[in-house]
Amino acid sequence: MKNALLAVASLTLIFGFIFASSWYKDQQAEKSSFMAKENVSTFVRDHSQTLGSDDAKVYIVEFMDPACETCAVFAPFVKKMMADNPGKIKLVLRYAPFHDGAEVFVSILEAARKQGKYWETLDAMFKSQAHWASHHNPQPERVWEFISQIGLDMVQLKKDMKDPAIAKLIAQDMADAKTLNVRKTPGYFVNGRPLQEFGYRQLHELVQSELQAVYKE
């Protein structure tokens, strides 16, 4: 009987140690995750538009301008990286409307968000960008031709564009862009790490390094 009690006590201690060790490791992993960092709000605000799983451990934070040609070119590349790593990458869009009048295009996007058509509107903008955002002959009024084809309530959209909250979120994003020294678009950060040298390969390598760090086999 005494031996049996000792065996039970020993097993209890062993399982208790295993549980405590596992709990500690989980806590440490949580503390070291990007979203647990103290300054994470500078990268991700409550109003930030996101794409991808909430369980993703790699966050691509992009400061973008809807009138930015490079932003349009890189959009499919980023989405392909996400598709190649299902559930592991989350895209966070922040605004840095550096082009003249770009705040209007941001307002269109935010108004489209209220109708549940944010990504469709952004996609239509990027695909038609050459027609309305050309640096040689910009014709911003032409953007309406293209976004009117995706099922938006255009009357409501133009009303929602006037929401004062949009100007506030643009101001917040611009302030964060300044804090993070973002001077041109697109400006990328992967789990808080800035893309030091711009390019497809460099962004891919930065994302891959974070994937390998947080998804260890």
N, C-alpha and C. Protein backbone atom coordinates (compact mmCIF):
# COMPACT_ATOMS: atom_id res chain seq x y z
N MET A 1 0.84 -1.21 0.00
CA MET A 1 0.00 0.00 0.00
C MET A 1 0.87 1.25 0.00
N LYS A 2 1.91 1.20 0.86
CA LYS A 2 2.81 2.35 0.97
C LYS A 2 3.53 2.60 -0.35
N ASN A 3 3.97 1.50 -1.00
CA ASN A 3 4.65 1.63 -2.29
C ASN A 3 3.73 2.20 -3.36
N ALA A 4 2.47 1.80 -3.31
CA ALA A 4 1.49 2.29 -4.28
C ALA A 4 1.28 3.79 -4.12
N LEU A 5 1.20 4.24 -2.85
CA LEU A 5 1.01 5.67 -2.59
C LEU A 5 2.22 6.48 -3.07
N LEU A 6 3.40 5.91 -2.85
CA LEU A 6 4.62 6.59 -3.31
C LEU A 6 4.64 6.69 -4.83
N ALA A 7 4.21 5.62 -5.48
CA ALA A 7 4.17 5.62 -6.95
C ALA A 7 3.20 6.68 -7.47
N VAL A 8 2.02 6.77 -6.85
CA VAL A 8 1.01 7.77 -7.24
C VAL A 8 1.56 9.17 -7.03
N ALA A 9 2.22 9.38 -5.88
CA ALA A 9 2.78 10.69 -5.56
C ALA A 9 3.85 11.08 -6.58
N SER A 10 4.67 10.10 -6.95
CA SER A 10 5.74 10.36 -7.92
C SER A 10 5.17 10.73 -9.27
N LEU A 11 4.15 9.98 -9.69
CA LEU A 11 3.51 10.27 -10.98
C LEU A 11 2.87 11.65 -10.98
N THR A 12 2.25 11.99 -9.84
CA THR A 12 1.61 13.31 -9.72
C THR A 12 2.63 14.42 -9.88
N LEU A 13 3.79 14.22 -9.23
CA LEU A 13 4.86 15.23 -9.33
C LEU A 13 5.38 15.34 -10.76
N ILE A 14 5.54 14.19 -11.41
CA ILE A 14 6.06 14.19 -12.78
C ILE A 14 5.10 14.91 -13.72
N PHE A 15 3.80 14.54 -13.64
CA PHE A 15 2.81 15.19 -14.51
C PHE A 15 2.68 16.68 -14.19
N GLY A 16 2.81 17.00 -12.90
CA GLY A 16 2.74 18.41 -12.51
C GLY A 16 3.89 19.20 -13.10
N PHE A 17 5.07 18.58 -13.10
CA PHE A 17 6.25 19.24 -13.67
C PHE A 17 6.09 19.43 -15.17
N ILE A 18 5.59 18.38 -15.84
CA ILE A 18 5.39 18.46 -17.30
C ILE A 18 4.39 19.56 -17.65
N PHE A 19 3.30 19.62 -16.87
CA PHE A 19 2.27 20.64 -17.12
C PHE A 19 2.83 22.04 -16.91
N ALA A 20 3.56 22.22 -15.80
CA ALA A 20 4.13 23.54 -15.48
C ALA A 20 5.14 23.96 -16.54
N SER A 21 5.93 23.00 -17.00
CA SER A 21 6.94 23.30 -18.03
C SER A 21 6.27 23.71 -19.33
N SER A 22 5.22 22.97 -19.69
CA SER A 22 4.48 23.27 -20.93
C SER A 22 3.82 24.64 -20.83
N TRP A 23 3.22 24.92 -19.67
CA TRP A 23 2.54 26.21 -19.46
C TRP A 23 3.54 27.36 -19.55
N TYR A 24 4.72 27.16 -18.95
CA TYR A 24 5.75 28.20 -18.98
C TYR A 24 6.20 28.48 -20.41
N LYS A 25 6.41 27.41 -21.18
CA LYS A 25 6.84 27.58 -22.57
C LYS A 25 5.79 28.32 -23.38
N ASP A 26 4.50 27.97 -23.14
CA ASP A 26 3.41 28.66 -23.85
C ASP A 26 3.38 30.13 -23.49
N GLN A 27 3.58 30.42 -22.21
CA GLN A 27 3.57 31.80 -21.76
C GLN A 27 4.73 32.58 -22.38
N GLN A 28 5.90 31.96 -22.41
CA GLN A 28 7.06 32.61 -23.00
C GLN A 28 6.86 32.86 -24.49
N ALA A 29 6.27 31.87 -25.16
CA ALA A 29 6.01 32.03 -26.60
C ALA A 29 5.04 33.17 -26.83
N GLU A 30 4.02 33.27 -25.95
CA GLU A 30 3.05 34.35 -26.09
C GLU A 30 3.69 35.70 -25.87
N LYS A 31 4.57 35.77 -24.85
CA LYS A 31 5.23 37.03 -24.54
C LYS A 31 6.16 37.48 -25.66
N SER A 32 6.76 36.51 -26.36
CA SER A 32 7.71 36.84 -27.40
C SER A 32 7.06 37.06 -28.76
N SER A 33 5.75 36.84 -28.87
CA SER A 33 5.08 37.01 -30.15
C SER A 33 4.99 38.50 -30.49
N PHE A 34 4.85 38.77 -31.78
CA PHE A 34 4.81 40.15 -32.24
C PHE A 34 3.68 40.94 -31.60
N MET A 35 2.50 40.36 -31.52
CA MET A 35 1.34 41.08 -31.00
C MET A 35 1.43 41.34 -29.51
N ALA A 36 2.37 40.71 -28.84
CA ALA A 36 2.53 40.93 -27.39
C ALA A 36 3.53 42.03 -27.09
N LYS A 37 4.17 42.56 -28.11
CA LYS A 37 5.16 43.60 -27.88
C LYS A 37 4.51 44.89 -27.40
N GLU A 38 5.23 45.63 -26.57
CA GLU A 38 4.68 46.83 -25.96
C GLU A 38 4.34 47.90 -26.99
N ASN A 39 5.12 48.00 -28.06
CA ASN A 39 4.90 49.06 -29.05
C ASN A 39 4.10 48.59 -30.24
N VAL A 40 3.38 47.48 -30.09
CA VAL A 40 2.68 46.91 -31.25
C VAL A 40 1.62 47.86 -31.82
N SER A 41 1.05 48.73 -30.98
CA SER A 41 0.00 49.63 -31.47
C SER A 41 0.53 50.62 -32.52
N THR A 42 1.82 50.86 -32.52
CA THR A 42 2.39 51.74 -33.55
C THR A 42 2.30 51.08 -34.92
N PHE A 43 2.29 49.76 -34.93
CA PHE A 43 2.21 49.00 -36.18
C PHE A 43 0.77 48.63 -36.53
N VAL A 44 -0.01 48.25 -35.52
CA VAL A 44 -1.38 47.78 -35.75
C VAL A 44 -2.34 48.55 -34.86
N ARG A 45 -3.21 49.32 -35.47
CA ARG A 45 -4.23 50.07 -34.73
C ARG A 45 -5.57 49.33 -34.83
N ASP A 46 -6.50 49.69 -33.95
CA ASP A 46 -7.81 49.05 -33.96
C ASP A 46 -8.53 49.27 -35.29
N HIS A 47 -8.24 50.40 -35.95
CA HIS A 47 -8.93 50.69 -37.20
C HIS A 47 -8.25 50.06 -38.41
N SER A 48 -7.08 49.45 -38.22
CA SER A 48 -6.33 48.93 -39.36
C SER A 48 -7.07 47.81 -40.08
N GLN A 49 -7.08 47.89 -41.40
CA GLN A 49 -7.69 46.84 -42.21
C GLN A 49 -6.72 45.67 -42.31
N THR A 50 -7.23 44.46 -42.12
CA THR A 50 -6.36 43.29 -42.13
C THR A 50 -6.90 42.21 -43.07
N LEU A 51 -5.99 41.34 -43.47
CA LEU A 51 -6.34 40.20 -44.33
C LEU A 51 -5.54 39.01 -43.85
N GLY A 52 -6.21 37.89 -43.60
CA GLY A 52 -5.52 36.70 -43.14
C GLY A 52 -6.05 36.21 -41.80
N SER A 53 -5.55 35.08 -41.38
CA SER A 53 -6.01 34.43 -40.15
C SER A 53 -5.58 35.19 -38.90
N ASP A 54 -6.47 35.21 -37.92
CA ASP A 54 -6.14 35.81 -36.62
C ASP A 54 -5.11 34.97 -35.87
N ASP A 55 -4.94 33.72 -36.28
CA ASP A 55 -3.99 32.83 -35.63
C ASP A 55 -2.60 32.93 -36.26
N ALA A 56 -2.46 33.73 -37.31
CA ALA A 56 -1.16 33.87 -37.97
C ALA A 56 -0.13 34.45 -37.01
N LYS A 57 1.11 34.00 -37.14
CA LYS A 57 2.19 34.46 -36.27
C LYS A 57 3.14 35.42 -36.98
N VAL A 58 2.95 35.58 -38.28
CA VAL A 58 3.78 36.52 -39.03
C VAL A 58 2.89 37.64 -39.56
N TYR A 59 3.20 38.87 -39.16
CA TYR A 59 2.42 40.04 -39.55
C TYR A 59 3.22 40.88 -40.54
N ILE A 60 2.65 41.07 -41.73
CA ILE A 60 3.23 42.02 -42.69
C ILE A 60 2.45 43.32 -42.55
N VAL A 61 3.11 44.34 -42.05
CA VAL A 61 2.47 45.65 -41.91
C VAL A 61 2.95 46.51 -43.07
N GLU A 62 2.00 46.99 -43.86
CA GLU A 62 2.33 47.76 -45.05
C GLU A 62 1.73 49.16 -44.98
N PHE A 63 2.59 50.16 -45.03
CA PHE A 63 2.12 51.54 -45.16
C PHE A 63 1.98 51.80 -46.65
N MET A 64 0.77 52.09 -47.09
CA MET A 64 0.51 52.19 -48.52
C MET A 64 -0.31 53.41 -48.89
N ASP A 65 -0.27 53.72 -50.18
CA ASP A 65 -1.00 54.83 -50.76
C ASP A 65 -1.75 54.26 -51.96
N PRO A 66 -3.09 54.40 -52.03
CA PRO A 66 -3.84 53.84 -53.15
C PRO A 66 -3.38 54.36 -54.52
N ALA A 67 -2.73 55.53 -54.53
CA ALA A 67 -2.26 56.10 -55.80
C ALA A 67 -0.80 55.74 -56.09
N CYS A 68 -0.23 54.89 -55.26
CA CYS A 68 1.18 54.49 -55.42
C CYS A 68 1.30 53.33 -56.40
N GLU A 69 2.07 53.54 -57.47
CA GLU A 69 2.24 52.51 -58.49
C GLU A 69 2.92 51.26 -57.93
N THR A 70 3.93 51.46 -57.11
CA THR A 70 4.66 50.32 -56.55
C THR A 70 3.78 49.51 -55.60
N CYS A 71 2.90 50.19 -54.87
CA CYS A 71 1.96 49.49 -54.00
C CYS A 71 1.08 48.54 -54.82
N ALA A 72 0.63 49.02 -55.97
CA ALA A 72 -0.21 48.22 -56.85
C ALA A 72 0.55 47.02 -57.40
N VAL A 73 1.81 47.23 -57.74
CA VAL A 73 2.64 46.16 -58.30
C VAL A 73 2.94 45.09 -57.26
N PHE A 74 3.17 45.50 -56.01
CA PHE A 74 3.54 44.55 -54.96
C PHE A 74 2.34 43.81 -54.37
N ALA A 75 1.13 44.32 -54.55
CA ALA A 75 -0.04 43.69 -53.93
C ALA A 75 -0.20 42.21 -54.30
N PRO A 76 -0.11 41.83 -55.57
CA PRO A 76 -0.24 40.41 -55.91
C PRO A 76 0.90 39.56 -55.34
N PHE A 77 2.07 40.14 -55.26
CA PHE A 77 3.23 39.43 -54.73
C PHE A 77 3.01 39.08 -53.25
N VAL A 78 2.50 40.03 -52.49
CA VAL A 78 2.23 39.80 -51.07
C VAL A 78 1.14 38.74 -50.91
N LYS A 79 0.09 38.84 -51.72
CA LYS A 79 -1.00 37.87 -51.63
C LYS A 79 -0.52 36.46 -51.99
N LYS A 80 0.42 36.36 -52.92
CA LYS A 80 0.95 35.05 -53.28
C LYS A 80 1.74 34.45 -52.11
N MET A 81 2.51 35.27 -51.41
CA MET A 81 3.23 34.77 -50.24
C MET A 81 2.25 34.25 -49.21
N MET A 82 1.12 34.94 -49.05
CA MET A 82 0.12 34.50 -48.10
C MET A 82 -0.51 33.19 -48.54
N ALA A 83 -0.79 33.07 -49.84
CA ALA A 83 -1.39 31.85 -50.37
C ALA A 83 -0.44 30.67 -50.25
N ASP A 84 0.86 30.94 -50.38
CA ASP A 84 1.87 29.87 -50.29
C ASP A 84 2.09 29.42 -48.84
N ASN A 85 1.62 30.21 -47.90
CA ASN A 85 1.77 29.89 -46.47
C ASN A 85 0.42 30.06 -45.77
N PRO A 86 -0.55 29.24 -46.13
CA PRO A 86 -1.91 29.41 -45.63
C PRO A 86 -2.01 29.45 -44.10
N GLY A 87 -2.69 30.50 -43.62
CA GLY A 87 -2.94 30.64 -42.18
C GLY A 87 -1.78 31.15 -41.37
N LYS A 88 -0.62 31.37 -42.00
CA LYS A 88 0.57 31.75 -41.24
C LYS A 88 0.90 33.24 -41.32
N ILE A 89 0.34 33.93 -42.32
CA ILE A 89 0.68 35.34 -42.54
C ILE A 89 -0.58 36.20 -42.47
N LYS A 90 -0.47 37.33 -41.78
CA LYS A 90 -1.57 38.28 -41.71
C LYS A 90 -1.08 39.61 -42.27
N LEU A 91 -1.82 40.19 -43.18
CA LEU A 91 -1.47 41.48 -43.77
C LEU A 91 -2.23 42.58 -43.06
N VAL A 92 -1.51 43.62 -42.68
CA VAL A 92 -2.11 44.79 -42.02
C VAL A 92 -1.82 46.00 -42.90
N LEU A 93 -2.87 46.68 -43.35
CA LEU A 93 -2.67 47.87 -44.18
C LEU A 93 -2.79 49.13 -43.35
N ARG A 94 -1.80 50.00 -43.51
CA ARG A 94 -1.80 51.32 -42.90
C ARG A 94 -1.72 52.34 -44.03
N TYR A 95 -2.17 53.55 -43.78
CA TYR A 95 -2.19 54.57 -44.82
C TYR A 95 -1.03 55.55 -44.70
N ALA A 96 -0.43 55.84 -45.85
CA ALA A 96 0.58 56.89 -45.96
C ALA A 96 0.32 57.60 -47.28
N PRO A 97 -0.76 58.39 -47.35
CA PRO A 97 -1.16 59.03 -48.61
C PRO A 97 -0.25 60.21 -48.97
N PHE A 98 0.93 59.89 -49.47
CA PHE A 98 1.92 60.91 -49.80
C PHE A 98 1.62 61.64 -51.12
N HIS A 99 0.90 60.99 -52.05
CA HIS A 99 0.59 61.64 -53.31
C HIS A 99 -0.46 62.73 -53.10
N ASP A 100 -0.40 63.77 -53.91
CA ASP A 100 -1.37 64.87 -53.81
C ASP A 100 -2.79 64.34 -53.98
N GLY A 101 -3.65 64.69 -53.04
CA GLY A 101 -5.05 64.30 -53.14
C GLY A 101 -5.34 62.85 -52.78
N ALA A 102 -4.33 62.11 -52.32
CA ALA A 102 -4.53 60.69 -52.04
C ALA A 102 -5.47 60.43 -50.87
N GLU A 103 -5.67 61.45 -50.02
CA GLU A 103 -6.62 61.27 -48.90
C GLU A 103 -8.02 60.96 -49.42
N VAL A 104 -8.34 61.47 -50.60
CA VAL A 104 -9.66 61.19 -51.19
C VAL A 104 -9.80 59.71 -51.48
N PHE A 105 -8.75 59.10 -52.01
CA PHE A 105 -8.81 57.68 -52.36
C PHE A 105 -8.87 56.82 -51.11
N VAL A 106 -8.20 57.26 -50.04
CA VAL A 106 -8.30 56.55 -48.77
C VAL A 106 -9.74 56.64 -48.25
N SER A 107 -10.35 57.81 -48.39
CA SER A 107 -11.73 58.00 -47.94
C SER A 107 -12.68 57.09 -48.71
N ILE A 108 -12.41 56.90 -50.00
CA ILE A 108 -13.22 55.98 -50.80
C ILE A 108 -13.12 54.56 -50.24
N LEU A 109 -11.90 54.16 -49.94
CA LEU A 109 -11.69 52.81 -49.40
C LEU A 109 -12.41 52.61 -48.07
N GLU A 110 -12.30 53.60 -47.19
CA GLU A 110 -12.92 53.48 -45.88
C GLU A 110 -14.45 53.50 -45.99
N ALA A 111 -14.96 54.26 -46.93
CA ALA A 111 -16.41 54.27 -47.15
C ALA A 111 -16.86 52.93 -47.74
N ALA A 112 -16.04 52.36 -48.62
CA ALA A 112 -16.36 51.05 -49.20
C ALA A 112 -16.32 49.96 -48.13
N ARG A 113 -15.47 50.14 -47.14
CA ARG A 113 -15.39 49.16 -46.05
C ARG A 113 -16.73 49.03 -45.35
N LYS A 114 -17.44 50.13 -45.19
CA LYS A 114 -18.75 50.11 -44.53
C LYS A 114 -19.76 49.28 -45.30
N GLN A 115 -19.51 49.09 -46.60
CA GLN A 115 -20.39 48.27 -47.44
C GLN A 115 -19.83 46.86 -47.62
N GLY A 116 -18.75 46.55 -46.89
CA GLY A 116 -18.16 45.22 -46.99
C GLY A 116 -17.43 44.96 -48.29
N LYS A 117 -16.95 46.03 -48.93
CA LYS A 117 -16.28 45.87 -50.23
C LYS A 117 -14.92 46.57 -50.25
N TYR A 118 -14.23 46.50 -49.15
CA TYR A 118 -12.92 47.16 -49.07
C TYR A 118 -11.93 46.57 -50.06
N TRP A 119 -11.75 45.26 -50.00
CA TRP A 119 -10.71 44.63 -50.82
C TRP A 119 -11.08 44.65 -52.30
N GLU A 120 -12.37 44.54 -52.61
CA GLU A 120 -12.79 44.64 -54.01
C GLU A 120 -12.50 46.04 -54.56
N THR A 121 -12.72 47.05 -53.72
CA THR A 121 -12.48 48.44 -54.14
C THR A 121 -11.00 48.70 -54.33
N LEU A 122 -10.19 48.22 -53.38
CA LEU A 122 -8.74 48.40 -53.50
C LEU A 122 -8.22 47.69 -54.74
N ASP A 123 -8.72 46.50 -55.01
CA ASP A 123 -8.29 45.74 -56.18
C ASP A 123 -8.65 46.49 -57.47
N ALA A 124 -9.88 47.05 -57.51
CA ALA A 124 -10.31 47.81 -58.68
C ALA A 124 -9.46 49.06 -58.87
N MET A 125 -9.10 49.69 -57.77
CA MET A 125 -8.24 50.88 -57.82
C MET A 125 -6.86 50.53 -58.38
N PHE A 126 -6.28 49.48 -57.86
CA PHE A 126 -4.94 49.10 -58.30
C PHE A 126 -4.92 48.71 -59.77
N LYS A 127 -5.94 47.96 -60.19
CA LYS A 127 -5.98 47.50 -61.58
C LYS A 127 -6.20 48.64 -62.57
N SER A 128 -6.90 49.67 -62.14
CA SER A 128 -7.21 50.80 -63.04
C SER A 128 -6.34 52.01 -62.78
N GLN A 129 -5.38 51.86 -61.90
CA GLN A 129 -4.58 52.99 -61.43
C GLN A 129 -3.95 53.81 -62.56
N ALA A 130 -3.50 53.13 -63.60
CA ALA A 130 -2.82 53.82 -64.71
C ALA A 130 -3.74 54.84 -65.39
N HIS A 131 -5.04 54.66 -65.26
CA HIS A 131 -6.00 55.55 -65.92
C HIS A 131 -6.28 56.82 -65.12
N TRP A 132 -6.10 56.76 -63.80
CA TRP A 132 -6.48 57.93 -62.98
C TRP A 132 -5.35 58.50 -62.13
N ALA A 133 -4.26 57.73 -61.98
CA ALA A 133 -3.20 58.20 -61.08
C ALA A 133 -1.86 58.39 -61.78
N SER A 134 -1.89 58.50 -63.10
CA SER A 134 -0.65 58.67 -63.84
C SER A 134 0.07 59.94 -63.39
N HIS A 135 1.37 59.83 -63.15
CA HIS A 135 2.14 61.00 -62.72
C HIS A 135 2.25 62.04 -63.83
N HIS A 136 2.15 61.59 -65.08
CA HIS A 136 2.28 62.49 -66.21
C HIS A 136 0.97 63.22 -66.53
N ASN A 137 -0.16 62.51 -66.28
CA ASN A 137 -1.46 63.11 -66.57
C ASN A 137 -2.51 62.56 -65.61
N PRO A 138 -2.43 62.93 -64.32
CA PRO A 138 -3.38 62.40 -63.35
C PRO A 138 -4.80 62.88 -63.61
N GLN A 139 -5.74 61.96 -63.51
CA GLN A 139 -7.16 62.28 -63.70
C GLN A 139 -7.95 61.58 -62.59
N PRO A 140 -7.81 62.05 -61.36
CA PRO A 140 -8.42 61.37 -60.21
C PRO A 140 -9.92 61.16 -60.32
N GLU A 141 -10.61 62.05 -61.04
CA GLU A 141 -12.06 61.91 -61.16
C GLU A 141 -12.45 60.63 -61.90
N ARG A 142 -11.53 60.05 -62.68
CA ARG A 142 -11.84 58.85 -63.45
C ARG A 142 -11.94 57.60 -62.58
N VAL A 143 -11.48 57.68 -61.34
CA VAL A 143 -11.55 56.52 -60.47
C VAL A 143 -12.98 56.03 -60.30
N TRP A 144 -13.95 56.96 -60.39
CA TRP A 144 -15.35 56.60 -60.21
C TRP A 144 -15.83 55.63 -61.27
N GLU A 145 -15.29 55.74 -62.48
CA GLU A 145 -15.68 54.84 -63.57
C GLU A 145 -15.44 53.39 -63.19
N PHE A 146 -14.35 53.15 -62.51
CA PHE A 146 -13.92 51.78 -62.24
C PHE A 146 -14.51 51.20 -60.97
N ILE A 147 -14.62 52.01 -59.93
CA ILE A 147 -15.16 51.45 -58.69
C ILE A 147 -16.69 51.32 -58.74
N SER A 148 -17.31 51.99 -59.69
CA SER A 148 -18.77 51.89 -59.81
C SER A 148 -19.20 50.53 -60.38
N GLN A 149 -18.23 49.74 -60.82
CA GLN A 149 -18.53 48.46 -61.47
C GLN A 149 -18.50 47.27 -60.51
N ILE A 150 -18.31 47.53 -59.21
CA ILE A 150 -18.17 46.41 -58.27
C ILE A 150 -19.35 46.30 -57.30
N GLY A 151 -20.45 46.95 -57.63
CA GLY A 151 -21.66 46.80 -56.83
C GLY A 151 -21.77 47.68 -55.61
N LEU A 152 -21.07 48.78 -55.62
CA LEU A 152 -21.17 49.73 -54.50
C LEU A 152 -22.40 50.62 -54.63
N ASP A 153 -22.96 51.00 -53.49
CA ASP A 153 -23.99 52.04 -53.47
C ASP A 153 -23.24 53.36 -53.51
N MET A 154 -23.16 53.96 -54.69
CA MET A 154 -22.31 55.13 -54.89
C MET A 154 -22.82 56.35 -54.13
N VAL A 155 -24.13 56.48 -54.00
CA VAL A 155 -24.70 57.62 -53.27
C VAL A 155 -24.29 57.53 -51.80
N GLN A 156 -24.45 56.34 -51.22
CA GLN A 156 -24.08 56.14 -49.82
C GLN A 156 -22.58 56.27 -49.63
N LEU A 157 -21.81 55.78 -50.60
CA LEU A 157 -20.36 55.86 -50.53
C LEU A 157 -19.89 57.31 -50.39
N LYS A 158 -20.45 58.19 -51.21
CA LYS A 158 -20.04 59.59 -51.20
C LYS A 158 -20.46 60.29 -49.90
N LYS A 159 -21.52 59.80 -49.28
CA LYS A 159 -21.91 60.34 -47.97
C LYS A 159 -20.94 59.88 -46.90
N ASP A 160 -20.62 58.59 -46.94
CA ASP A 160 -19.74 58.02 -45.92
C ASP A 160 -18.32 58.55 -46.00
N MET A 161 -17.91 58.98 -47.17
CA MET A 161 -16.58 59.54 -47.34
C MET A 161 -16.34 60.78 -46.49
N LYS A 162 -17.41 61.43 -46.10
CA LYS A 162 -17.33 62.67 -45.34
C LYS A 162 -17.25 62.45 -43.83
N ASP A 163 -17.24 61.18 -43.41
CA ASP A 163 -17.18 60.86 -41.98
C ASP A 163 -15.88 61.42 -41.39
N PRO A 164 -15.97 62.27 -40.36
CA PRO A 164 -14.77 62.86 -39.73
C PRO A 164 -13.81 61.81 -39.17
N ALA A 165 -14.31 60.63 -38.86
CA ALA A 165 -13.46 59.57 -38.30
C ALA A 165 -12.38 59.15 -39.30
N ILE A 166 -12.66 59.30 -40.60
CA ILE A 166 -11.69 58.90 -41.62
C ILE A 166 -10.46 59.81 -41.55
N ALA A 167 -10.69 61.11 -41.42
CA ALA A 167 -9.58 62.06 -41.32
C ALA A 167 -8.73 61.77 -40.08
N LYS A 168 -9.38 61.35 -38.99
CA LYS A 168 -8.66 61.04 -37.76
C LYS A 168 -7.77 59.81 -37.92
N LEU A 169 -8.30 58.78 -38.58
CA LEU A 169 -7.49 57.57 -38.73
C LEU A 169 -6.33 57.79 -39.70
N ILE A 170 -6.54 58.65 -40.73
CA ILE A 170 -5.44 59.00 -41.62
C ILE A 170 -4.35 59.72 -40.84
N ALA A 171 -4.77 60.66 -39.99
CA ALA A 171 -3.82 61.41 -39.18
C ALA A 171 -3.03 60.49 -38.26
N GLN A 172 -3.72 59.49 -37.68
CA GLN A 172 -3.04 58.54 -36.80
C GLN A 172 -2.02 57.70 -37.57
N ASP A 173 -2.43 57.24 -38.75
CA ASP A 173 -1.51 56.44 -39.57
C ASP A 173 -0.30 57.25 -40.01
N MET A 174 -0.53 58.49 -40.36
CA MET A 174 0.58 59.34 -40.78
C MET A 174 1.53 59.61 -39.61
N ALA A 175 0.97 59.75 -38.41
CA ALA A 175 1.80 59.97 -37.23
C ALA A 175 2.65 58.73 -36.94
N ASP A 176 2.04 57.55 -37.09
CA ASP A 176 2.78 56.31 -36.87
C ASP A 176 3.84 56.12 -37.96
N ALA A 177 3.50 56.50 -39.18
CA ALA A 177 4.47 56.40 -40.28
C ALA A 177 5.70 57.27 -39.97
N LYS A 178 5.44 58.45 -39.43
CA LYS A 178 6.54 59.35 -39.07
C LYS A 178 7.39 58.74 -37.95
N THR A 179 6.72 58.17 -36.95
CA THR A 179 7.43 57.54 -35.84
C THR A 179 8.33 56.42 -36.34
N LEU A 180 7.83 55.67 -37.32
CA LEU A 180 8.57 54.52 -37.84
C LEU A 180 9.49 54.89 -39.01
N ASN A 181 9.57 56.19 -39.28
CA ASN A 181 10.46 56.70 -40.32
C ASN A 181 10.10 56.19 -41.71
N VAL A 182 8.81 56.07 -41.97
CA VAL A 182 8.34 55.69 -43.31
C VAL A 182 8.28 56.95 -44.15
N ARG A 183 9.07 56.99 -45.21
CA ARG A 183 9.15 58.18 -46.04
C ARG A 183 8.62 57.97 -47.46
N LYS A 184 8.39 56.72 -47.82
CA LYS A 184 7.84 56.43 -49.14
C LYS A 184 7.02 55.15 -49.06
N THR A 185 6.20 54.94 -50.07
CA THR A 185 5.35 53.75 -50.09
C THR A 185 5.75 52.83 -51.24
N PRO A 186 5.51 51.52 -51.04
CA PRO A 186 5.05 50.90 -49.79
C PRO A 186 6.18 50.77 -48.77
N GLY A 187 5.82 50.93 -47.51
CA GLY A 187 6.77 50.74 -46.42
C GLY A 187 6.40 49.48 -45.67
N TYR A 188 7.30 48.51 -45.65
CA TYR A 188 6.99 47.20 -45.06
C TYR A 188 7.72 46.96 -43.74
N PHE A 189 6.99 46.29 -42.84
CA PHE A 189 7.55 45.78 -41.59
C PHE A 189 7.03 44.36 -41.43
N VAL A 190 7.89 43.45 -41.06
CA VAL A 190 7.49 42.05 -40.85
C VAL A 190 7.76 41.71 -39.39
N ASN A 191 6.68 41.52 -38.64
CA ASN A 191 6.79 41.33 -37.18
C ASN A 191 7.63 42.42 -36.54
N GLY A 192 7.42 43.64 -37.04
CA GLY A 192 8.11 44.79 -36.47
C GLY A 192 9.46 45.09 -37.07
N ARG A 193 9.97 44.18 -37.88
CA ARG A 193 11.29 44.38 -38.49
C ARG A 193 11.12 45.12 -39.83
N PRO A 194 11.79 46.25 -40.02
CA PRO A 194 11.64 47.01 -41.27
C PRO A 194 12.36 46.34 -42.44
N LEU A 195 11.81 46.53 -43.62
CA LEU A 195 12.48 46.07 -44.84
C LEU A 195 13.56 47.09 -45.16
N GLN A 196 14.79 46.73 -44.87
CA GLN A 196 15.89 47.69 -44.97
C GLN A 196 16.23 48.03 -46.42
N GLU A 197 16.26 47.00 -47.27
CA GLU A 197 16.59 47.20 -48.68
C GLU A 197 15.40 46.75 -49.51
N PHE A 198 14.84 47.67 -50.30
CA PHE A 198 13.57 47.40 -50.96
C PHE A 198 13.73 46.48 -52.16
N GLY A 199 12.78 45.55 -52.31
CA GLY A 199 12.77 44.66 -53.46
C GLY A 199 11.94 43.42 -53.19
N TYR A 200 11.54 42.73 -54.26
CA TYR A 200 10.76 41.49 -54.11
C TYR A 200 11.55 40.46 -53.30
N ARG A 201 12.79 40.21 -53.72
CA ARG A 201 13.60 39.20 -53.07
C ARG A 201 13.82 39.54 -51.60
N GLN A 202 14.11 40.81 -51.32
CA GLN A 202 14.38 41.21 -49.94
C GLN A 202 13.16 41.03 -49.05
N LEU A 203 11.97 41.37 -49.58
CA LEU A 203 10.75 41.20 -48.79
C LEU A 203 10.47 39.72 -48.57
N HIS A 204 10.65 38.93 -49.60
CA HIS A 204 10.42 37.49 -49.49
C HIS A 204 11.35 36.88 -48.45
N GLU A 205 12.62 37.28 -48.47
CA GLU A 205 13.59 36.74 -47.51
C GLU A 205 13.26 37.15 -46.08
N LEU A 206 12.79 38.38 -45.90
CA LEU A 206 12.43 38.86 -44.56
C LEU A 206 11.24 38.07 -44.03
N VAL A 207 10.25 37.84 -44.89
CA VAL A 207 9.07 37.07 -44.48
C VAL A 207 9.47 35.63 -44.16
N GLN A 208 10.30 35.05 -45.01
CA GLN A 208 10.72 33.66 -44.79
C GLN A 208 11.50 33.50 -43.49
N SER A 209 12.33 34.49 -43.17
CA SER A 209 13.12 34.40 -41.94
C SER A 209 12.21 34.41 -40.72
N GLU A 210 11.13 35.20 -40.77
CA GLU A 210 10.18 35.24 -39.66
C GLU A 210 9.36 33.97 -39.59
N LEU A 211 8.98 33.43 -40.74
CA LEU A 211 8.23 32.17 -40.77
C LEU A 211 9.04 31.06 -40.13
N GLN A 212 10.31 30.99 -40.48
CA GLN A 212 11.18 29.95 -39.93
C GLN A 212 11.39 30.14 -38.43
N ALA A 213 11.41 31.38 -37.98
CA ALA A 213 11.65 31.66 -36.56
C ALA A 213 10.46 31.28 -35.69
N VAL A 214 9.26 31.51 -36.19
CA VAL A 214 8.07 31.28 -35.34
C VAL A 214 7.35 29.97 -35.62
N TYR A 215 7.65 29.35 -36.75
CA TYR A 215 7.05 28.05 -37.08
C TYR A 215 8.16 27.00 -37.17
N LYS A 216 8.84 26.80 -36.08
CA LYS A 216 9.91 25.81 -36.04
C LYS A 216 9.32 24.39 -36.07
N GLU A 217 9.86 23.58 -36.96
CA GLU A 217 9.37 22.20 -37.10
C GLU A 217 9.87 21.34 -35.94
